[in-house]
Amino acid sequence: MKSTVSSLERAITTCARCPELRTYCAGVARVKRAAYASETYWGKPVAGFGDARARIWILGLAPGAHGANRTGRVFTGDRSGDFLFAALYRAGLANQPTSVARDDGLALDDVWISAAVRCAPPDNKPTREQIAACRLHLDREWDTLRDVRVIVCLGGIAWDAALALCARHDLTIPRPRPGFTHGAELKLGNLRLLGCYHVSQQNTFTGRLTPAMLDRVLAVASRHD
């Protein structure tokens, strides 16, 4: 049976497939960062969000410990999200350039955003087992987001997760298996995969990923051909 966005959210936010991540996220939510000491952290798995009729699916790595794990919405409340949503706004795919809370009025047009892993992992480094445990959530999103034509993969883990997702749904992956690079483009039937450096501070503060570079990726994604 086809999933709905609301059933997707329920399944993800109640997921307990990785007890070690649940313990870690709950611990972060309890201790908090000093700057957010007065806030109530989300501390649970984080579902995707956006336009259910989206043709562009942006796939990240995992929630940030003091970003999405705090706010409850992917890429919301940290510098990575600041960089991404500013670009989506410039591209006409978001109604505002910032995202600070789940109820801040942000709306996406033609874009859905989620992550390969739905719980914040220590040091932003999920294990293979944790990535594998989240595959069912990607599969459910695949079944729900019937209009997607482009998956923008933010980083190598997202790229590999998207390739595995496509393979599970009977799309033929070229051999040798295409590796991740920024600007990579792979056509798989009616679907395209685009590679983009992750919007992490490690990349954006050093200039490895610039606003212009991300703008170009989103411009390619928006062509839908």
N, C-alpha and C. Protein backbone atom coordinates (compact mmCIF):
# COMPACT_ATOMS: atom_id res chain seq x y z
N MET A 1 0.84 -1.19 0.00
CA MET A 1 0.00 0.00 0.00
C MET A 1 0.89 1.25 0.00
N LYS A 2 0.49 2.22 -0.80
CA LYS A 2 1.28 3.44 -0.91
C LYS A 2 1.30 4.20 0.41
N SER A 3 2.49 4.65 0.82
CA SER A 3 2.61 5.45 2.04
C SER A 3 2.14 6.87 1.78
N THR A 4 1.74 7.55 2.83
CA THR A 4 1.45 8.97 2.77
C THR A 4 2.54 9.70 3.54
N VAL A 5 2.61 11.01 3.34
CA VAL A 5 3.62 11.79 4.05
C VAL A 5 3.43 11.66 5.56
N SER A 6 2.19 11.67 6.03
CA SER A 6 1.95 11.56 7.46
C SER A 6 2.34 10.19 7.99
N SER A 7 2.09 9.13 7.23
CA SER A 7 2.49 7.79 7.69
C SER A 7 3.99 7.63 7.66
N LEU A 8 4.64 8.27 6.68
CA LEU A 8 6.10 8.27 6.63
C LEU A 8 6.66 8.90 7.90
N GLU A 9 6.12 10.05 8.26
CA GLU A 9 6.62 10.76 9.44
C GLU A 9 6.43 9.93 10.70
N ARG A 10 5.27 9.30 10.84
CA ARG A 10 5.03 8.46 12.02
C ARG A 10 6.02 7.31 12.09
N ALA A 11 6.24 6.65 10.96
CA ALA A 11 7.14 5.50 10.95
C ALA A 11 8.57 5.89 11.30
N ILE A 12 9.01 7.05 10.80
CA ILE A 12 10.39 7.47 11.03
C ILE A 12 10.59 7.98 12.45
N THR A 13 9.70 8.82 12.92
CA THR A 13 9.92 9.44 14.23
C THR A 13 9.77 8.45 15.38
N THR A 14 9.15 7.30 15.13
CA THR A 14 9.01 6.27 16.17
C THR A 14 9.99 5.12 15.97
N CYS A 15 10.89 5.26 14.99
CA CYS A 15 11.83 4.17 14.67
C CYS A 15 12.81 3.96 15.83
N ALA A 16 13.08 2.67 16.12
CA ALA A 16 14.04 2.33 17.18
C ALA A 16 14.99 1.23 16.71
N ARG A 17 15.31 1.24 15.41
CA ARG A 17 16.13 0.18 14.85
C ARG A 17 17.59 0.27 15.28
N CYS A 18 18.03 1.43 15.71
CA CYS A 18 19.43 1.61 16.13
C CYS A 18 19.45 2.11 17.58
N PRO A 19 19.40 1.21 18.55
CA PRO A 19 19.34 1.65 19.96
C PRO A 19 20.49 2.56 20.37
N GLU A 20 21.67 2.33 19.79
CA GLU A 20 22.82 3.15 20.16
C GLU A 20 22.64 4.60 19.70
N LEU A 21 21.98 4.80 18.56
CA LEU A 21 21.71 6.16 18.10
C LEU A 21 20.59 6.81 18.91
N ARG A 22 19.60 6.03 19.29
CA ARG A 22 18.56 6.59 20.14
C ARG A 22 19.14 7.05 21.48
N THR A 23 20.06 6.26 22.03
CA THR A 23 20.70 6.64 23.29
C THR A 23 21.53 7.91 23.11
N TYR A 24 22.28 7.98 22.01
CA TYR A 24 23.12 9.15 21.75
C TYR A 24 22.27 10.40 21.57
N CYS A 25 21.22 10.33 20.74
CA CYS A 25 20.39 11.51 20.48
C CYS A 25 19.67 11.98 21.74
N ALA A 26 19.20 11.03 22.53
CA ALA A 26 18.54 11.39 23.79
C ALA A 26 19.52 12.06 24.75
N GLY A 27 20.77 11.59 24.75
CA GLY A 27 21.79 12.19 25.60
C GLY A 27 22.10 13.61 25.19
N VAL A 28 22.23 13.84 23.88
CA VAL A 28 22.46 15.20 23.38
C VAL A 28 21.30 16.11 23.76
N ALA A 29 20.08 15.59 23.63
CA ALA A 29 18.90 16.38 23.95
C ALA A 29 18.81 16.71 25.43
N ARG A 30 19.36 15.85 26.25
CA ARG A 30 19.33 16.08 27.69
C ARG A 30 20.40 17.08 28.13
N VAL A 31 21.61 16.90 27.63
CA VAL A 31 22.73 17.76 28.03
C VAL A 31 22.66 19.12 27.34
N LYS A 32 22.34 19.14 26.07
CA LYS A 32 22.17 20.34 25.24
C LYS A 32 23.50 21.08 25.04
N ARG A 33 23.48 21.99 24.12
CA ARG A 33 24.58 22.95 23.94
C ARG A 33 24.20 24.22 24.69
N ALA A 34 25.19 24.88 25.26
CA ALA A 34 24.91 26.04 26.12
C ALA A 34 24.05 27.09 25.43
N ALA A 35 24.28 27.30 24.14
CA ALA A 35 23.53 28.32 23.40
C ALA A 35 22.05 27.98 23.31
N TYR A 36 21.70 26.70 23.48
CA TYR A 36 20.31 26.28 23.35
C TYR A 36 19.78 25.70 24.66
N ALA A 37 20.36 26.10 25.76
CA ALA A 37 20.03 25.51 27.06
C ALA A 37 18.56 25.68 27.43
N SER A 38 17.93 26.72 26.94
CA SER A 38 16.54 26.98 27.30
C SER A 38 15.55 26.26 26.38
N GLU A 39 16.06 25.60 25.34
CA GLU A 39 15.19 24.97 24.37
C GLU A 39 14.94 23.51 24.70
N THR A 40 13.81 23.01 24.24
CA THR A 40 13.50 21.58 24.33
C THR A 40 13.94 20.92 23.02
N TYR A 41 14.90 20.02 23.10
CA TYR A 41 15.40 19.35 21.91
C TYR A 41 14.39 18.31 21.43
N TRP A 42 14.38 18.10 20.12
CA TRP A 42 13.55 17.06 19.51
C TRP A 42 14.02 15.68 19.98
N GLY A 43 15.27 15.36 19.74
CA GLY A 43 15.89 14.15 20.28
C GLY A 43 15.39 12.83 19.73
N LYS A 44 14.69 12.85 18.58
CA LYS A 44 14.12 11.64 17.98
C LYS A 44 14.58 11.54 16.52
N PRO A 45 14.30 10.43 15.83
CA PRO A 45 14.59 10.37 14.40
C PRO A 45 13.86 11.51 13.67
N VAL A 46 14.47 11.98 12.60
CA VAL A 46 13.96 13.15 11.88
C VAL A 46 13.44 12.73 10.51
N ALA A 47 12.18 13.02 10.24
CA ALA A 47 11.57 12.68 8.96
C ALA A 47 11.96 13.70 7.90
N GLY A 48 11.74 13.32 6.63
CA GLY A 48 11.91 14.27 5.55
C GLY A 48 10.75 15.27 5.52
N PHE A 49 10.90 16.30 4.72
CA PHE A 49 9.81 17.27 4.59
C PHE A 49 9.92 17.97 3.25
N GLY A 50 8.82 18.64 2.88
CA GLY A 50 8.82 19.41 1.65
C GLY A 50 7.54 19.20 0.86
N ASP A 51 7.65 19.27 -0.44
CA ASP A 51 6.54 19.17 -1.37
C ASP A 51 6.32 17.70 -1.73
N ALA A 52 5.17 17.15 -1.37
CA ALA A 52 4.91 15.73 -1.64
C ALA A 52 4.82 15.43 -3.13
N ARG A 53 4.64 16.46 -3.96
CA ARG A 53 4.62 16.29 -5.42
C ARG A 53 5.95 16.71 -6.05
N ALA A 54 6.98 16.76 -5.24
CA ALA A 54 8.29 17.24 -5.70
C ALA A 54 8.85 16.40 -6.83
N ARG A 55 9.53 17.08 -7.74
CA ARG A 55 10.32 16.40 -8.76
C ARG A 55 11.80 16.35 -8.37
N ILE A 56 12.20 17.16 -7.39
CA ILE A 56 13.59 17.18 -6.92
C ILE A 56 13.63 16.64 -5.50
N TRP A 57 14.45 15.64 -5.29
CA TRP A 57 14.65 15.06 -3.96
C TRP A 57 16.09 15.34 -3.56
N ILE A 58 16.28 16.11 -2.50
CA ILE A 58 17.61 16.41 -1.99
C ILE A 58 17.90 15.46 -0.84
N LEU A 59 18.97 14.69 -0.98
CA LEU A 59 19.30 13.66 0.01
C LEU A 59 20.60 14.03 0.71
N GLY A 60 20.52 14.23 2.03
CA GLY A 60 21.69 14.57 2.81
C GLY A 60 22.27 13.37 3.53
N LEU A 61 23.11 13.64 4.52
CA LEU A 61 23.78 12.58 5.27
C LEU A 61 22.96 12.15 6.48
N ALA A 62 22.77 13.04 7.44
CA ALA A 62 22.09 12.71 8.69
C ALA A 62 21.77 14.02 9.42
N PRO A 63 20.85 13.99 10.38
CA PRO A 63 20.57 15.20 11.16
C PRO A 63 21.80 15.65 11.94
N GLY A 64 21.93 16.96 12.12
CA GLY A 64 22.98 17.49 12.97
C GLY A 64 22.58 17.36 14.43
N ALA A 65 23.54 17.09 15.30
CA ALA A 65 23.24 16.85 16.71
C ALA A 65 22.54 18.04 17.35
N HIS A 66 22.96 19.27 16.98
CA HIS A 66 22.37 20.47 17.56
C HIS A 66 21.59 21.27 16.52
N GLY A 67 21.38 20.66 15.35
CA GLY A 67 20.54 21.25 14.31
C GLY A 67 19.21 20.53 14.28
N ALA A 68 19.06 19.59 13.35
CA ALA A 68 17.78 18.87 13.22
C ALA A 68 17.44 18.04 14.45
N ASN A 69 18.44 17.51 15.15
CA ASN A 69 18.15 16.77 16.38
C ASN A 69 17.58 17.69 17.46
N ARG A 70 17.82 18.99 17.31
CA ARG A 70 17.24 19.98 18.23
C ARG A 70 15.88 20.46 17.73
N THR A 71 15.79 20.78 16.45
CA THR A 71 14.58 21.42 15.92
C THR A 71 13.53 20.43 15.43
N GLY A 72 13.96 19.23 15.06
CA GLY A 72 13.02 18.24 14.56
C GLY A 72 12.75 18.31 13.08
N ARG A 73 13.50 19.15 12.35
CA ARG A 73 13.32 19.22 10.90
C ARG A 73 14.70 19.20 10.24
N VAL A 74 14.84 18.38 9.23
CA VAL A 74 16.13 18.17 8.60
C VAL A 74 16.70 19.48 8.08
N PHE A 75 18.00 19.70 8.31
CA PHE A 75 18.74 20.89 7.88
C PHE A 75 18.24 22.18 8.52
N THR A 76 17.46 22.08 9.57
CA THR A 76 16.90 23.29 10.20
C THR A 76 17.64 23.61 11.50
N GLY A 77 18.13 24.85 11.59
CA GLY A 77 18.73 25.30 12.83
C GLY A 77 20.23 25.19 12.91
N ASP A 78 20.92 25.03 11.75
CA ASP A 78 22.38 25.01 11.79
C ASP A 78 22.94 25.66 10.52
N ARG A 79 24.25 25.80 10.47
CA ARG A 79 24.88 26.53 9.37
C ARG A 79 24.72 25.79 8.04
N SER A 80 24.69 24.46 8.07
CA SER A 80 24.49 23.70 6.84
C SER A 80 23.14 24.06 6.22
N GLY A 81 22.12 24.10 7.08
CA GLY A 81 20.79 24.46 6.60
C GLY A 81 20.74 25.90 6.11
N ASP A 82 21.42 26.79 6.79
CA ASP A 82 21.47 28.19 6.34
C ASP A 82 21.97 28.27 4.90
N PHE A 83 23.02 27.51 4.60
CA PHE A 83 23.62 27.53 3.27
C PHE A 83 22.66 26.94 2.24
N LEU A 84 22.03 25.81 2.59
CA LEU A 84 21.15 25.12 1.66
C LEU A 84 19.88 25.92 1.38
N PHE A 85 19.22 26.41 2.42
CA PHE A 85 17.95 27.09 2.21
C PHE A 85 18.13 28.43 1.52
N ALA A 86 19.25 29.09 1.75
CA ALA A 86 19.52 30.32 1.01
C ALA A 86 19.61 30.03 -0.49
N ALA A 87 20.24 28.90 -0.84
CA ALA A 87 20.34 28.53 -2.25
C ALA A 87 18.98 28.15 -2.83
N LEU A 88 18.18 27.43 -2.07
CA LEU A 88 16.84 27.06 -2.55
C LEU A 88 15.99 28.30 -2.76
N TYR A 89 16.13 29.27 -1.89
CA TYR A 89 15.40 30.53 -2.05
C TYR A 89 15.85 31.26 -3.32
N ARG A 90 17.15 31.32 -3.55
CA ARG A 90 17.66 31.97 -4.76
C ARG A 90 17.14 31.28 -6.02
N ALA A 91 16.95 29.96 -5.93
CA ALA A 91 16.49 29.18 -7.09
C ALA A 91 14.97 29.22 -7.26
N GLY A 92 14.27 29.90 -6.34
CA GLY A 92 12.82 29.94 -6.41
C GLY A 92 12.15 28.67 -5.94
N LEU A 93 12.86 27.87 -5.13
CA LEU A 93 12.34 26.59 -4.65
C LEU A 93 11.93 26.63 -3.18
N ALA A 94 12.13 27.77 -2.53
CA ALA A 94 11.72 27.96 -1.14
C ALA A 94 11.16 29.37 -0.99
N ASN A 95 10.23 29.54 -0.07
CA ASN A 95 9.58 30.83 0.09
C ASN A 95 10.33 31.79 1.00
N GLN A 96 11.40 31.30 1.65
CA GLN A 96 12.22 32.17 2.50
C GLN A 96 13.63 31.59 2.55
N PRO A 97 14.63 32.43 2.84
CA PRO A 97 16.03 31.98 2.74
C PRO A 97 16.58 31.38 4.01
N THR A 98 15.81 31.34 5.09
CA THR A 98 16.32 30.83 6.35
C THR A 98 15.35 29.82 6.94
N SER A 99 15.87 28.99 7.83
CA SER A 99 15.05 28.00 8.51
C SER A 99 15.59 27.81 9.92
N VAL A 100 14.82 28.20 10.91
CA VAL A 100 15.30 28.16 12.29
C VAL A 100 14.48 27.25 13.19
N ALA A 101 13.25 26.92 12.77
CA ALA A 101 12.37 26.10 13.60
C ALA A 101 11.34 25.41 12.71
N ARG A 102 10.74 24.36 13.22
CA ARG A 102 9.76 23.61 12.45
C ARG A 102 8.54 24.45 12.09
N ASP A 103 8.23 25.46 12.88
CA ASP A 103 7.03 26.27 12.66
C ASP A 103 7.35 27.68 12.16
N ASP A 104 8.47 27.81 11.44
CA ASP A 104 8.90 29.16 11.03
C ASP A 104 8.29 29.61 9.70
N GLY A 105 7.39 28.81 9.13
CA GLY A 105 6.71 29.21 7.90
C GLY A 105 7.41 28.79 6.62
N LEU A 106 8.54 28.10 6.72
CA LEU A 106 9.24 27.66 5.52
C LEU A 106 8.37 26.70 4.71
N ALA A 107 8.30 26.94 3.40
CA ALA A 107 7.62 26.03 2.48
C ALA A 107 8.52 25.80 1.27
N LEU A 108 8.59 24.57 0.82
CA LEU A 108 9.38 24.22 -0.35
C LEU A 108 8.47 23.95 -1.54
N ASP A 109 8.93 24.35 -2.71
CA ASP A 109 8.17 24.15 -3.94
C ASP A 109 8.96 23.22 -4.85
N ASP A 110 8.39 22.05 -5.15
CA ASP A 110 8.99 21.08 -6.06
C ASP A 110 10.23 20.39 -5.48
N VAL A 111 10.40 20.48 -4.17
CA VAL A 111 11.57 19.89 -3.51
C VAL A 111 11.13 19.11 -2.27
N TRP A 112 11.73 17.94 -2.11
CA TRP A 112 11.61 17.15 -0.89
C TRP A 112 13.03 16.96 -0.35
N ILE A 113 13.21 17.06 0.96
CA ILE A 113 14.53 16.92 1.57
C ILE A 113 14.48 15.84 2.64
N SER A 114 15.44 14.93 2.59
CA SER A 114 15.58 13.95 3.66
C SER A 114 17.05 13.56 3.76
N ALA A 115 17.33 12.47 4.46
CA ALA A 115 18.73 12.07 4.68
C ALA A 115 18.86 10.56 4.63
N ALA A 116 20.08 10.12 4.37
CA ALA A 116 20.36 8.69 4.31
C ALA A 116 20.19 8.04 5.68
N VAL A 117 20.48 8.79 6.75
CA VAL A 117 20.34 8.32 8.13
C VAL A 117 19.46 9.32 8.85
N ARG A 118 18.52 8.82 9.66
CA ARG A 118 17.50 9.70 10.25
C ARG A 118 17.78 10.11 11.69
N CYS A 119 18.82 9.58 12.29
CA CYS A 119 19.23 9.97 13.63
C CYS A 119 20.61 10.60 13.57
N ALA A 120 20.86 11.60 14.41
CA ALA A 120 22.18 12.23 14.46
C ALA A 120 23.21 11.21 14.96
N PRO A 121 24.26 10.94 14.17
CA PRO A 121 25.30 10.02 14.63
C PRO A 121 26.46 10.78 15.28
N PRO A 122 27.18 10.15 16.19
CA PRO A 122 28.35 10.80 16.78
C PRO A 122 29.34 11.22 15.69
N ASP A 123 29.84 12.44 15.79
CA ASP A 123 30.85 12.97 14.85
C ASP A 123 30.37 12.97 13.41
N ASN A 124 29.05 12.92 13.20
CA ASN A 124 28.49 12.89 11.83
C ASN A 124 29.00 11.72 11.01
N LYS A 125 29.28 10.61 11.66
CA LYS A 125 29.85 9.45 10.97
C LYS A 125 29.01 8.20 11.28
N PRO A 126 27.94 7.98 10.51
CA PRO A 126 27.15 6.77 10.73
C PRO A 126 27.92 5.54 10.29
N THR A 127 27.63 4.42 10.92
CA THR A 127 28.25 3.15 10.53
C THR A 127 27.49 2.55 9.35
N ARG A 128 28.10 1.55 8.73
CA ARG A 128 27.42 0.86 7.63
C ARG A 128 26.12 0.24 8.10
N GLU A 129 26.15 -0.29 9.30
CA GLU A 129 24.95 -0.93 9.84
C GLU A 129 23.83 0.09 10.05
N GLN A 130 24.18 1.28 10.50
CA GLN A 130 23.17 2.32 10.71
C GLN A 130 22.59 2.82 9.39
N ILE A 131 23.45 2.95 8.40
CA ILE A 131 22.97 3.34 7.07
C ILE A 131 22.02 2.27 6.52
N ALA A 132 22.40 1.00 6.70
CA ALA A 132 21.56 -0.09 6.22
C ALA A 132 20.22 -0.12 6.93
N ALA A 133 20.22 0.20 8.22
CA ALA A 133 18.98 0.16 9.00
C ALA A 133 17.97 1.20 8.51
N CYS A 134 18.45 2.26 7.87
CA CYS A 134 17.55 3.33 7.40
C CYS A 134 17.07 3.10 5.98
N ARG A 135 17.50 2.02 5.35
CA ARG A 135 17.09 1.80 3.95
C ARG A 135 15.58 1.73 3.80
N LEU A 136 14.90 1.13 4.77
CA LEU A 136 13.45 1.00 4.62
C LEU A 136 12.76 2.35 4.56
N HIS A 137 13.33 3.36 5.24
CA HIS A 137 12.73 4.69 5.18
C HIS A 137 12.90 5.30 3.79
N LEU A 138 14.05 5.10 3.18
CA LEU A 138 14.25 5.56 1.81
C LEU A 138 13.30 4.84 0.85
N ASP A 139 13.11 3.54 1.07
CA ASP A 139 12.21 2.78 0.21
C ASP A 139 10.79 3.30 0.32
N ARG A 140 10.35 3.62 1.53
CA ARG A 140 9.00 4.15 1.72
C ARG A 140 8.87 5.52 1.06
N GLU A 141 9.91 6.35 1.15
CA GLU A 141 9.87 7.65 0.47
C GLU A 141 9.80 7.45 -1.04
N TRP A 142 10.56 6.51 -1.55
CA TRP A 142 10.53 6.21 -3.00
C TRP A 142 9.10 5.90 -3.43
N ASP A 143 8.42 5.09 -2.65
CA ASP A 143 7.05 4.70 -2.99
C ASP A 143 6.07 5.85 -2.87
N THR A 144 6.36 6.81 -2.02
CA THR A 144 5.47 7.94 -1.78
C THR A 144 5.69 9.08 -2.77
N LEU A 145 6.95 9.35 -3.07
CA LEU A 145 7.30 10.51 -3.91
C LEU A 145 7.30 10.09 -5.38
N ARG A 146 6.13 9.93 -5.93
CA ARG A 146 5.99 9.35 -7.26
C ARG A 146 6.40 10.28 -8.39
N ASP A 147 6.55 11.56 -8.12
CA ASP A 147 6.86 12.51 -9.18
C ASP A 147 8.34 12.86 -9.27
N VAL A 148 9.16 12.28 -8.40
CA VAL A 148 10.59 12.62 -8.39
C VAL A 148 11.26 12.24 -9.70
N ARG A 149 12.05 13.16 -10.24
CA ARG A 149 12.82 12.92 -11.46
C ARG A 149 14.31 13.14 -11.26
N VAL A 150 14.68 13.80 -10.14
CA VAL A 150 16.08 14.11 -9.87
C VAL A 150 16.35 13.88 -8.39
N ILE A 151 17.45 13.18 -8.08
CA ILE A 151 17.91 13.09 -6.70
C ILE A 151 19.25 13.82 -6.62
N VAL A 152 19.30 14.88 -5.83
CA VAL A 152 20.54 15.61 -5.58
C VAL A 152 21.18 15.01 -4.34
N CYS A 153 22.35 14.41 -4.52
CA CYS A 153 23.02 13.68 -3.44
C CYS A 153 24.10 14.57 -2.83
N LEU A 154 23.91 14.95 -1.58
CA LEU A 154 24.87 15.81 -0.89
C LEU A 154 25.93 14.95 -0.22
N GLY A 155 26.99 14.68 -0.94
CA GLY A 155 28.10 13.91 -0.41
C GLY A 155 28.08 12.45 -0.82
N GLY A 156 29.19 11.77 -0.52
CA GLY A 156 29.38 10.40 -0.97
C GLY A 156 28.44 9.40 -0.33
N ILE A 157 28.12 9.58 0.96
CA ILE A 157 27.22 8.63 1.61
C ILE A 157 25.83 8.72 0.99
N ALA A 158 25.36 9.92 0.73
CA ALA A 158 24.06 10.09 0.08
C ALA A 158 24.09 9.51 -1.33
N TRP A 159 25.17 9.71 -2.05
CA TRP A 159 25.31 9.17 -3.41
C TRP A 159 25.22 7.64 -3.38
N ASP A 160 25.96 7.02 -2.49
CA ASP A 160 25.93 5.56 -2.40
C ASP A 160 24.55 5.06 -1.97
N ALA A 161 23.91 5.78 -1.05
CA ALA A 161 22.57 5.38 -0.61
C ALA A 161 21.57 5.49 -1.76
N ALA A 162 21.70 6.53 -2.58
CA ALA A 162 20.79 6.70 -3.71
C ALA A 162 21.01 5.61 -4.76
N LEU A 163 22.27 5.28 -5.03
CA LEU A 163 22.55 4.20 -5.97
C LEU A 163 21.95 2.89 -5.49
N ALA A 164 22.14 2.58 -4.21
CA ALA A 164 21.59 1.35 -3.65
C ALA A 164 20.06 1.36 -3.72
N LEU A 165 19.46 2.52 -3.46
CA LEU A 165 18.01 2.66 -3.55
C LEU A 165 17.53 2.36 -4.97
N CYS A 166 18.20 2.94 -5.95
CA CYS A 166 17.81 2.71 -7.34
C CYS A 166 17.96 1.24 -7.72
N ALA A 167 19.03 0.62 -7.26
CA ALA A 167 19.24 -0.80 -7.56
C ALA A 167 18.13 -1.65 -6.96
N ARG A 168 17.72 -1.32 -5.74
CA ARG A 168 16.64 -2.09 -5.09
C ARG A 168 15.33 -1.94 -5.83
N HIS A 169 15.20 -0.89 -6.62
CA HIS A 169 13.96 -0.66 -7.35
C HIS A 169 14.16 -0.89 -8.85
N ASP A 170 15.06 -1.81 -9.14
CA ASP A 170 15.20 -2.40 -10.48
C ASP A 170 15.73 -1.46 -11.55
N LEU A 171 16.45 -0.41 -11.14
CA LEU A 171 17.16 0.40 -12.11
C LEU A 171 18.57 -0.15 -12.26
N THR A 172 19.03 -0.26 -13.47
CA THR A 172 20.33 -0.86 -13.75
C THR A 172 21.45 0.14 -13.47
N ILE A 173 22.36 -0.21 -12.57
CA ILE A 173 23.49 0.64 -12.23
C ILE A 173 24.67 0.27 -13.12
N PRO A 174 25.28 1.25 -13.78
CA PRO A 174 26.41 0.94 -14.68
C PRO A 174 27.56 0.28 -13.93
N ARG A 175 28.33 -0.49 -14.66
CA ARG A 175 29.57 -1.07 -14.13
C ARG A 175 30.73 -0.56 -14.97
N PRO A 176 31.82 -0.12 -14.35
CA PRO A 176 32.00 -0.08 -12.89
C PRO A 176 31.04 0.91 -12.24
N ARG A 177 30.75 0.67 -10.97
CA ARG A 177 29.79 1.48 -10.24
C ARG A 177 30.27 2.94 -10.20
N PRO A 178 29.46 3.90 -10.60
CA PRO A 178 29.90 5.30 -10.63
C PRO A 178 30.21 5.82 -9.22
N GLY A 179 31.37 6.43 -9.08
CA GLY A 179 31.76 7.01 -7.80
C GLY A 179 31.27 8.44 -7.67
N PHE A 180 31.26 8.92 -6.43
CA PHE A 180 30.80 10.28 -6.17
C PHE A 180 31.85 11.30 -6.56
N THR A 181 31.42 12.33 -7.25
CA THR A 181 32.20 13.55 -7.46
C THR A 181 31.22 14.72 -7.48
N HIS A 182 31.70 15.89 -7.15
CA HIS A 182 30.85 17.06 -7.28
C HIS A 182 30.58 17.30 -8.76
N GLY A 183 29.31 17.51 -9.09
CA GLY A 183 28.92 17.73 -10.48
C GLY A 183 28.63 16.46 -11.25
N ALA A 184 28.78 15.31 -10.60
CA ALA A 184 28.46 14.05 -11.28
C ALA A 184 27.00 14.03 -11.69
N GLU A 185 26.72 13.44 -12.83
CA GLU A 185 25.35 13.31 -13.32
C GLU A 185 25.18 11.92 -13.91
N LEU A 186 24.17 11.21 -13.44
CA LEU A 186 23.95 9.84 -13.87
C LEU A 186 22.49 9.67 -14.23
N LYS A 187 22.24 9.21 -15.46
CA LYS A 187 20.87 8.98 -15.94
C LYS A 187 20.52 7.52 -15.74
N LEU A 188 19.43 7.28 -15.02
CA LEU A 188 18.95 5.93 -14.75
C LEU A 188 17.47 5.88 -15.12
N GLY A 189 17.17 5.47 -16.34
CA GLY A 189 15.80 5.49 -16.81
C GLY A 189 15.27 6.91 -16.83
N ASN A 190 14.14 7.15 -16.15
CA ASN A 190 13.56 8.49 -16.10
C ASN A 190 14.08 9.31 -14.93
N LEU A 191 15.08 8.78 -14.24
CA LEU A 191 15.61 9.44 -13.04
C LEU A 191 17.05 9.88 -13.28
N ARG A 192 17.40 11.04 -12.72
CA ARG A 192 18.79 11.48 -12.76
C ARG A 192 19.32 11.62 -11.35
N LEU A 193 20.56 11.20 -11.15
CA LEU A 193 21.28 11.44 -9.90
C LEU A 193 22.30 12.54 -10.15
N LEU A 194 22.34 13.53 -9.26
CA LEU A 194 23.33 14.60 -9.33
C LEU A 194 24.17 14.58 -8.06
N GLY A 195 25.47 14.68 -8.21
CA GLY A 195 26.37 14.74 -7.08
C GLY A 195 26.71 16.18 -6.72
N CYS A 196 26.72 16.46 -5.42
CA CYS A 196 27.07 17.80 -4.93
C CYS A 196 27.81 17.64 -3.61
N TYR A 197 28.88 18.40 -3.41
CA TYR A 197 29.52 18.37 -2.11
C TYR A 197 28.48 18.70 -1.03
N HIS A 198 28.65 18.09 0.12
CA HIS A 198 27.72 18.34 1.22
C HIS A 198 27.83 19.79 1.67
N VAL A 199 26.72 20.31 2.19
CA VAL A 199 26.68 21.71 2.62
C VAL A 199 27.19 21.88 4.05
N SER A 200 28.06 21.00 4.48
CA SER A 200 28.66 21.08 5.81
C SER A 200 29.59 22.29 5.92
N GLN A 201 29.80 22.75 7.15
CA GLN A 201 30.73 23.87 7.36
C GLN A 201 32.14 23.51 6.89
N GLN A 202 32.49 22.26 7.00
CA GLN A 202 33.82 21.83 6.54
C GLN A 202 34.02 22.16 5.07
N ASN A 203 32.95 22.10 4.29
CA ASN A 203 33.04 22.41 2.86
C ASN A 203 32.75 23.87 2.56
N THR A 204 31.75 24.45 3.23
CA THR A 204 31.35 25.81 2.88
C THR A 204 32.28 26.86 3.47
N PHE A 205 32.84 26.62 4.65
CA PHE A 205 33.75 27.58 5.26
C PHE A 205 35.11 27.60 4.57
N THR A 206 35.48 26.49 3.96
CA THR A 206 36.78 26.40 3.29
C THR A 206 36.71 26.77 1.82
N GLY A 207 35.50 26.98 1.30
CA GLY A 207 35.36 27.32 -0.11
C GLY A 207 35.34 26.13 -1.03
N ARG A 208 35.36 24.92 -0.47
CA ARG A 208 35.25 23.74 -1.33
C ARG A 208 33.90 23.73 -2.04
N LEU A 209 32.86 24.17 -1.33
CA LEU A 209 31.54 24.35 -1.94
C LEU A 209 31.16 25.81 -1.77
N THR A 210 30.95 26.50 -2.86
CA THR A 210 30.56 27.90 -2.84
C THR A 210 29.08 28.04 -3.18
N PRO A 211 28.48 29.19 -2.86
CA PRO A 211 27.09 29.41 -3.27
C PRO A 211 26.89 29.24 -4.77
N ALA A 212 27.82 29.72 -5.57
CA ALA A 212 27.68 29.59 -7.02
C ALA A 212 27.69 28.13 -7.46
N MET A 213 28.52 27.31 -6.82
CA MET A 213 28.57 25.89 -7.16
C MET A 213 27.24 25.21 -6.86
N LEU A 214 26.67 25.50 -5.70
CA LEU A 214 25.38 24.90 -5.36
C LEU A 214 24.28 25.44 -6.26
N ASP A 215 24.33 26.72 -6.60
CA ASP A 215 23.34 27.29 -7.52
C ASP A 215 23.35 26.55 -8.85
N ARG A 216 24.54 26.20 -9.35
CA ARG A 216 24.62 25.50 -10.63
C ARG A 216 24.00 24.12 -10.54
N VAL A 217 24.24 23.41 -9.44
CA VAL A 217 23.64 22.09 -9.26
C VAL A 217 22.12 22.18 -9.25
N LEU A 218 21.59 23.15 -8.52
CA LEU A 218 20.14 23.31 -8.44
C LEU A 218 19.55 23.73 -9.78
N ALA A 219 20.30 24.51 -10.54
CA ALA A 219 19.82 24.89 -11.88
C ALA A 219 19.71 23.67 -12.79
N VAL A 220 20.70 22.77 -12.71
CA VAL A 220 20.64 21.54 -13.48
C VAL A 220 19.47 20.67 -13.01
N ALA A 221 19.30 20.56 -11.68
CA ALA A 221 18.21 19.75 -11.13
C ALA A 221 16.84 20.28 -11.58
N SER A 222 16.72 21.57 -11.72
CA SER A 222 15.43 22.18 -12.04
C SER A 222 15.01 22.00 -13.49
N ARG A 223 15.92 21.48 -14.32
CA ARG A 223 15.56 21.31 -15.74
C ARG A 223 14.63 20.12 -15.95
N HIS A 224 14.72 19.10 -15.10
CA HIS A 224 13.79 17.95 -15.15
C HIS A 224 13.76 17.24 -16.49
N ASP A 225 14.79 17.33 -17.31
CA ASP A 225 14.70 16.65 -18.61
C ASP A 225 15.26 15.25 -18.53
